[in-house]
Protein backbone atom coordinates (compact mmCIF):
# COMPACT_ATOMS: atom_id res chain seq x y z
CA MET A 1 4.66 22.38 -33.15
CA GLU A 2 1.32 21.37 -34.72
CA GLU A 3 2.90 18.34 -36.44
CA PHE A 4 4.54 17.30 -33.16
CA GLN A 5 1.22 17.62 -31.34
CA ARG A 6 -0.56 15.51 -33.96
CA ALA A 7 2.13 12.83 -33.62
CA LEU A 8 1.60 12.68 -29.88
CA LEU A 9 -2.13 12.37 -30.31
CA LYS A 10 -1.62 9.11 -32.22
CA GLU A 11 -0.45 7.42 -29.01
CA PRO A 12 -3.24 4.91 -28.23
CA ALA A 13 -5.21 4.88 -24.99
CA MET A 14 -3.38 7.83 -23.45
CA ARG A 15 -5.61 10.32 -21.70
CA LEU A 16 -4.41 13.46 -19.96
CA SER A 17 -5.77 14.61 -16.60
CA VAL A 18 -5.11 18.28 -15.86
CA VAL A 19 -5.31 19.06 -12.14
CA ILE A 20 -5.83 22.73 -11.26
CA PRO A 21 -5.70 23.76 -7.59
CA VAL A 22 -7.08 27.28 -7.23
CA TYR A 23 -7.38 29.86 -4.48
CA ASN A 24 -8.50 33.45 -5.10
CA GLU A 25 -7.69 33.57 -8.81
CA ALA A 26 -10.82 35.30 -10.12
CA GLU A 27 -8.69 37.47 -12.42
CA THR A 28 -7.11 34.52 -14.23
CA ILE A 29 -9.16 31.34 -13.74
CA LEU A 30 -11.32 31.68 -16.85
CA GLN A 31 -8.29 32.54 -19.00
CA ILE A 32 -6.30 29.53 -17.82
CA LEU A 33 -9.28 27.20 -18.30
CA LYS A 34 -9.65 28.43 -21.87
CA LYS A 35 -5.94 27.84 -22.52
CA VAL A 36 -6.11 24.34 -21.07
CA GLU A 37 -9.22 23.52 -23.12
CA GLU A 38 -7.36 24.61 -26.26
CA ALA A 39 -4.62 22.01 -25.69
CA SER A 40 -5.28 19.36 -28.35
CA PHE A 41 -5.25 16.24 -26.23
CA ASP A 42 -7.84 13.75 -25.07
CA LYS A 43 -8.14 15.17 -21.57
CA GLU A 44 -10.17 15.83 -18.49
CA ILE A 45 -9.84 18.96 -16.35
CA VAL A 46 -10.21 18.64 -12.60
CA VAL A 47 -10.39 21.93 -10.67
CA VAL A 48 -10.34 22.16 -6.88
CA ASP A 49 -11.32 25.52 -5.41
CA ASP A 50 -9.63 25.75 -2.01
CA ALA A 51 -12.32 27.89 -0.33
CA SER A 52 -11.65 31.05 -2.32
CA THR A 53 -12.91 34.28 -0.78
CA ASP A 54 -13.09 36.28 -4.01
CA LYS A 55 -15.36 35.49 -7.00
CA THR A 56 -13.46 32.38 -8.11
CA ARG A 57 -16.11 29.97 -6.87
CA GLN A 58 -18.95 31.84 -8.57
CA LEU A 59 -17.03 31.89 -11.85
CA LEU A 60 -16.39 28.16 -11.65
CA GLU A 61 -20.04 27.43 -10.85
CA LYS A 62 -21.04 29.31 -14.01
CA PHE A 63 -18.34 27.88 -16.27
CA GLY A 64 -20.52 25.10 -17.63
CA GLU A 65 -19.84 21.55 -18.69
CA GLY A 66 -16.55 19.97 -19.67
CA ILE A 67 -14.69 20.21 -16.38
CA LYS A 68 -14.92 18.60 -12.96
CA VAL A 69 -15.13 21.23 -10.23
CA LEU A 70 -14.66 20.32 -6.57
CA PHE A 71 -14.91 22.71 -3.64
CA HIS A 72 -13.21 22.83 -0.25
CA GLU A 73 -15.36 24.47 2.40
CA THR A 74 -12.27 25.56 4.36
CA ASN A 75 -8.90 26.69 3.01
CA GLN A 76 -6.39 23.83 3.31
CA GLY A 77 -3.59 24.59 0.86
CA LYS A 78 -2.23 23.56 -2.53
CA GLY A 79 -1.20 20.06 -1.48
CA ALA A 80 -4.62 19.33 -0.02
CA ALA A 81 -6.31 20.55 -3.21
CA ILE A 82 -4.11 18.30 -5.33
CA ARG A 83 -4.86 15.35 -3.05
CA THR A 84 -8.59 15.96 -3.44
CA ALA A 85 -8.28 16.18 -7.21
CA LEU A 86 -6.24 12.99 -7.56
CA SER A 87 -9.04 10.90 -6.11
CA HIS A 88 -11.16 11.96 -9.12
CA VAL A 89 -8.75 11.68 -12.04
CA THR A 90 -9.18 8.95 -14.65
CA GLY A 91 -6.37 9.74 -17.10
CA ASP A 92 -3.14 7.88 -17.85
CA ILE A 93 -0.98 11.00 -17.45
CA VAL A 94 -1.51 13.69 -14.81
CA ILE A 95 -0.22 17.24 -15.08
CA ILE A 96 -0.38 19.86 -12.32
CA GLN A 97 -1.45 23.25 -13.68
CA ASP A 98 -1.42 26.41 -11.56
CA ALA A 99 -4.50 28.60 -11.88
CA ASP A 100 -2.57 31.79 -12.60
CA LEU A 101 -0.96 32.61 -15.95
CA GLU A 102 2.65 31.93 -14.96
CA TYR A 103 2.75 28.59 -16.83
CA ASP A 104 1.61 28.14 -20.43
CA PRO A 105 -0.54 25.10 -21.39
CA SER A 106 0.67 25.41 -25.00
CA GLU A 107 3.84 23.70 -23.73
CA TYR A 108 2.05 20.44 -22.80
CA PRO A 109 3.50 18.62 -25.87
CA GLN A 110 7.11 18.94 -24.75
CA LEU A 111 6.20 18.24 -21.13
CA ILE A 112 4.40 15.02 -21.98
CA ALA A 113 6.73 13.82 -24.76
CA PRO A 114 9.28 11.94 -22.55
CA ILE A 115 6.42 9.91 -21.03
CA LEU A 116 4.78 9.14 -24.37
CA GLU A 117 8.17 8.10 -25.75
CA GLY A 118 8.58 5.63 -22.89
CA LYS A 119 11.62 7.43 -21.46
CA ALA A 120 10.16 8.89 -18.27
CA ASP A 121 7.73 8.23 -15.45
CA VAL A 122 7.83 11.83 -14.22
CA VAL A 123 8.65 15.10 -16.00
CA TYR A 124 9.50 18.42 -14.35
CA GLY A 125 9.27 21.64 -16.34
CA SER A 126 12.33 23.72 -15.46
CA ARG A 127 12.28 27.51 -15.47
CA PHE A 128 16.09 27.57 -15.47
CA LEU A 129 16.97 25.73 -18.68
CA GLY A 130 16.97 28.60 -21.10
CA ARG A 131 13.39 29.40 -22.14
CA PRO A 132 11.90 32.93 -22.04
CA HIS A 133 11.00 34.16 -18.57
CA ARG A 134 10.00 37.39 -16.95
CA VAL A 135 12.86 39.09 -15.07
CA LEU A 136 11.59 39.36 -11.51
CA LEU A 137 12.27 38.71 -7.79
CA PHE A 138 15.99 37.99 -7.43
CA TRP A 139 15.76 36.66 -3.87
CA HIS A 140 12.91 34.38 -4.85
CA SER A 141 15.10 32.74 -7.50
CA VAL A 142 18.01 32.47 -5.04
CA GLY A 143 15.74 30.79 -2.51
CA ASN A 144 14.48 28.41 -5.17
CA LYS A 145 18.02 27.35 -6.06
CA ILE A 146 18.90 26.83 -2.38
CA LEU A 147 15.85 24.60 -1.89
CA THR A 148 16.56 22.66 -5.08
CA THR A 149 20.19 22.12 -4.03
CA LEU A 150 19.21 20.89 -0.57
CA SER A 151 16.60 18.57 -2.08
CA ASN A 152 19.14 17.23 -4.58
CA MET A 153 21.65 16.53 -1.80
CA LEU A 154 19.13 14.30 -0.04
CA THR A 155 17.47 12.68 -3.08
CA ASN A 156 20.69 12.32 -5.10
CA LEU A 157 18.94 13.85 -8.10
CA ASN A 158 20.31 16.68 -10.23
CA LEU A 159 17.16 18.73 -10.76
CA THR A 160 17.46 22.39 -11.64
CA ASP A 161 13.96 23.37 -10.45
CA MET A 162 12.44 21.24 -7.69
CA GLU A 163 9.84 23.92 -6.90
CA THR A 164 8.45 24.14 -10.43
CA GLY A 165 4.68 24.31 -10.77
CA TYR A 166 4.75 22.08 -13.86
CA LYS A 167 5.04 18.45 -12.82
CA VAL A 168 3.78 15.57 -14.98
CA PHE A 169 3.30 11.97 -13.85
CA ARG A 170 2.28 8.61 -15.13
CA ALA A 171 -0.95 8.08 -13.21
CA GLU A 172 0.27 4.76 -11.84
CA VAL A 173 3.15 6.57 -10.10
CA LEU A 174 0.75 8.80 -8.19
CA ARG A 175 -1.37 5.80 -7.20
CA ARG A 176 1.66 4.44 -5.33
CA ILE A 177 2.16 7.65 -3.36
CA LYS A 178 0.21 8.90 -0.36
CA ILE A 179 0.32 12.70 -0.42
CA GLU A 180 0.38 14.15 3.07
CA SER A 181 1.25 17.82 2.59
CA LYS A 182 -1.46 20.43 2.70
CA ARG A 183 0.35 23.57 1.58
CA PHE A 184 3.44 24.12 -0.57
CA GLY A 185 5.14 21.17 1.10
CA PHE A 186 3.75 19.19 -1.83
CA GLU A 187 6.77 20.05 -3.99
CA PRO A 188 9.53 18.66 -1.72
CA GLU A 189 7.29 15.77 -0.62
CA ILE A 190 6.51 14.51 -4.09
CA THR A 191 10.14 14.94 -5.15
CA ALA A 192 11.40 12.89 -2.20
CA LYS A 193 8.84 10.16 -2.79
CA ILE A 194 9.40 9.72 -6.53
CA ALA A 195 13.14 9.58 -5.85
CA LYS A 196 12.61 6.80 -3.30
CA LEU A 197 10.48 4.91 -5.82
CA GLY A 198 13.30 5.04 -8.34
CA CYS A 199 11.17 6.78 -10.96
CA ARG A 200 12.71 7.82 -14.26
CA ILE A 201 12.65 11.61 -14.04
CA TYR A 202 13.16 14.05 -16.89
CA GLU A 203 13.38 17.83 -16.96
CA VAL A 204 12.36 19.92 -19.96
CA PRO A 205 12.73 23.69 -20.39
CA ILE A 206 9.58 25.78 -20.01
CA SER A 207 8.82 29.48 -20.30
CA TYR A 208 7.76 31.30 -17.15
CA TRP A 209 5.77 34.49 -16.77
CA GLY A 210 6.09 35.08 -13.03
CA ARG A 211 3.97 37.48 -11.01
CA ASP A 212 5.02 39.79 -8.22
CA TYR A 213 3.10 40.12 -4.95
CA SER A 214 1.05 43.08 -6.19
CA GLU A 215 -0.25 40.78 -8.93
CA GLY A 216 -1.36 38.05 -6.55
CA LYS A 217 1.70 35.88 -5.92
CA LYS A 218 1.09 33.89 -2.73
CA ILE A 219 4.25 31.96 -1.85
CA ASN A 220 6.56 33.86 0.52
CA TRP A 221 9.67 33.50 2.69
CA ARG A 222 7.74 31.59 5.35
CA ASP A 223 6.92 28.93 2.78
CA GLY A 224 10.62 28.78 1.94
CA ILE A 225 11.52 28.09 5.58
CA ALA A 226 8.78 25.46 5.76
CA ALA A 227 10.12 23.86 2.57
CA ILE A 228 13.51 23.29 4.24
CA TYR A 229 11.71 21.41 7.02
CA TRP A 230 9.69 19.33 4.57
CA ILE A 231 12.74 18.48 2.45
CA ILE A 232 14.51 17.11 5.52
CA TRP A 233 11.38 15.42 6.90
CA TYR A 234 10.33 13.56 3.76
CA ASN A 235 13.84 12.53 2.78
CA LEU A 236 15.21 11.47 6.16
CA PHE A 237 12.25 10.57 8.35
CA ARG A 238 9.51 9.22 6.06
CA ARG A 239 9.89 5.89 4.30
CA GLY A 240 7.19 6.17 1.67
């Protein structure tokens, strides 16, 4: 892995922007920032605190230099936090990183590789392609597969994990997209829009250490119902 990472770092003029939307993750935010900082890439870290009500904001204010921290004064949702962050990124490649510990930044090399190799414009990290994962929440995984299937039917893609938290983009792709969603509608929206742009999309296997609701998981069945609406809306009723 170290040799592979060094090879990727030889790619000229490629800078990574790591976007971290965060809401009430005081238990994990410092750990995930440390893990992201340890990733051996030329990078910037852009964190958007979406009006947390726990100690997340105070921890971010004390974190020190080396990251960009932006604050929402009212809670708006994951999509809104990502939209805020994207107006501040300067890198050539953008990766979305959740603020919990479900996704491991040590896997950035394989996530970014298809873009650096000139094969992809967008890379999705799939939790269903055979890497280690915590056994948890059967109905959540069923719902995920239903949403992915519906999305695939309308985009004509063959993704295995549309709802994945690990999505990587060439920055120029995101500059062509106007993100409208405020909450978890970001996932079906961005998938519909990159499909309409004709982007070259890759999936790579990732590990996944999912949480249950007692550990702070936020997405629920209501978000699943909303996702069905957004899949239909952005694929059938929105042009861009």
